[in-house]
Amino acid sequence: MSQSWLIAALTLIVSTVAVPALAQAPGADVDERPDPAVVCHVGVYRLDDGSWVDVAPLAGKGLRWRRLDGSTSRMMLDAQGHWVSTLGSTTRVEGPQPQLGPCDEGRIVFEGQAGRRLSQDTRDTTFVGQGGTHLKGRLILPPGDGAVPIMVEVHGSEGANALDFNVFQRFAPAEGVGVFVYAKRGSGGSEGRYTQDFHVLADDAAAAVVEARRLAGNRAGRVGLHGASQGGWIAPLAASLTPVDFVTVGFGLAYGALAEDSDQVMLDLKAKGWGADVLDLARQITDVTGAFIASHGEVGFAGLEAVRAKYGAQPWFADIKGEFTGFLLTTPNAQIIAMAPVLDAGTSWDYDPLPVLSRLDTPMLWIQAEDDLGAPPDATRQRLIDLAGQGRPITLLEYPDTDHGIARFEAAPDGKRTSIGYAPGYYQAVLDWAKTGRLDGRYGDGRLLATPSPRGR
């Protein structure tokens, strides 16, 4: 979920603490840009059999292709000018090896099938978000004149320009679903400063919904919000501010941001083999570190110092990591003080999504990764099941053997995970929910864990 501004900052500044793979300093990627040498190839390509291949930009060198079934590889040009694809996020040359033609020809060959880059109905705009901030947006519609569903894409904690890097903006229209994407404040030509204030971001997302409807005019059918990761807090909150037809949340949390750190600490300790007695003590520790973070340090260091003194010599103490707890326990107070004012992104640590989720009448699809290390799913799963049982319009789909992003992975002996693609059925579920508000049939290995109960309505 990338709330780990303290951990990530320590790595960037002094390089002494190992950082979870998903952590990054807030807004550190605001200035990322696509590789200019190959960005001309970006687009969605229709193959002879009617299927598509999306070719997306990367902030580093190369490109990334993906398919509806979740398969994906990074593409790099070799010294001979051939495109070489490496599976998922690995460095293994494995799987399909598509070849792109010259930029001006807009063609691809994928496993023997020819494909052409699709032209898309794209409308750029500037709209007004919270506090009068001007934000850059874009509406991409499927071909034709009829009404179509539209997903308003709510970004996660990343600072990178969604107008460049949002992955749904090309292939969803190729599947009949329009997309409105916008650059979050402080990125991509949008005014303002990067923030993780959920209320500000929800106001921006609600304004994006209004702008999407305006731009689409009579082509606007079902219009909803699609938020992933941190966007899982923001999308339902935005839906409480403006009428929408649906909400989709991917790998988000139905608890507050502080609970994310606590749950990650529990996973850290369980992975090291520690039992319930240690986990109970660790919960007490995360209560202390959570209070420190939520107050932006105003509670002082007495609680942290007491925890260090009481448990610092315990054999399990060094196994505590989490989003920020491990950093707070092992970093000198003076260094924390020096770093925090610069790195605090205004995160809504005190936000509890339960009141919104309990009242919202908009149909919601939540898609979870069963083995998510970035957003541990257990507490969220139970909360969503309970809410659905109370009659809330919540559908919960969970994918086994997947991590944050609904990413399939392989694990090294030391436990480090490397993505090898996305779960089959995940993309289709997102698209079908936008189209109909229903999940029909199977979506790969996804397990339907909750649907709305008539009880409580």
Foldseek 3Di string as FASTA:
>chain_A
DQPQQLQQVCCVPPNDDDDPPPHHFFLPCQPQDFDVVPLLLAAWKQWPVRFIWGWATDSDDFIKIAGLQWWIWTWHQDPVRAIFTDFFQDNHRDDWRKGDDDSVQQWIATPNIIIHGDDWDKDWDWFAFPPRWIWIKMKTAADDDAAFFEEEEQEARYQYFCVRGVPCCHVLNSVGYMYMYIHPDPHDPTHDNRFQALVRSLRRSLRSQVVNCVVCPNNHDFYAYEYEANGVLNRLVNCVVHPGQEYEYEAYFQFFPLVQQLVLQVVLLVVVPDDDVVNVVSNVLSVLVLVCVQVLNPVDCPSLVVCCVVPVPPPCLCSGDGSCSNVSNPDDPVVCVVPSVVRHRHRNRVDRNVVSQLPDQHAYEYEHECPESNGHCDVRLVVQQVSLALQRQYKYKYDYCAYRVQFHWDADPVGDTGGRTHHAQPSVVVSVCSGPVDDPDDRHRIDTDGGHDNHND
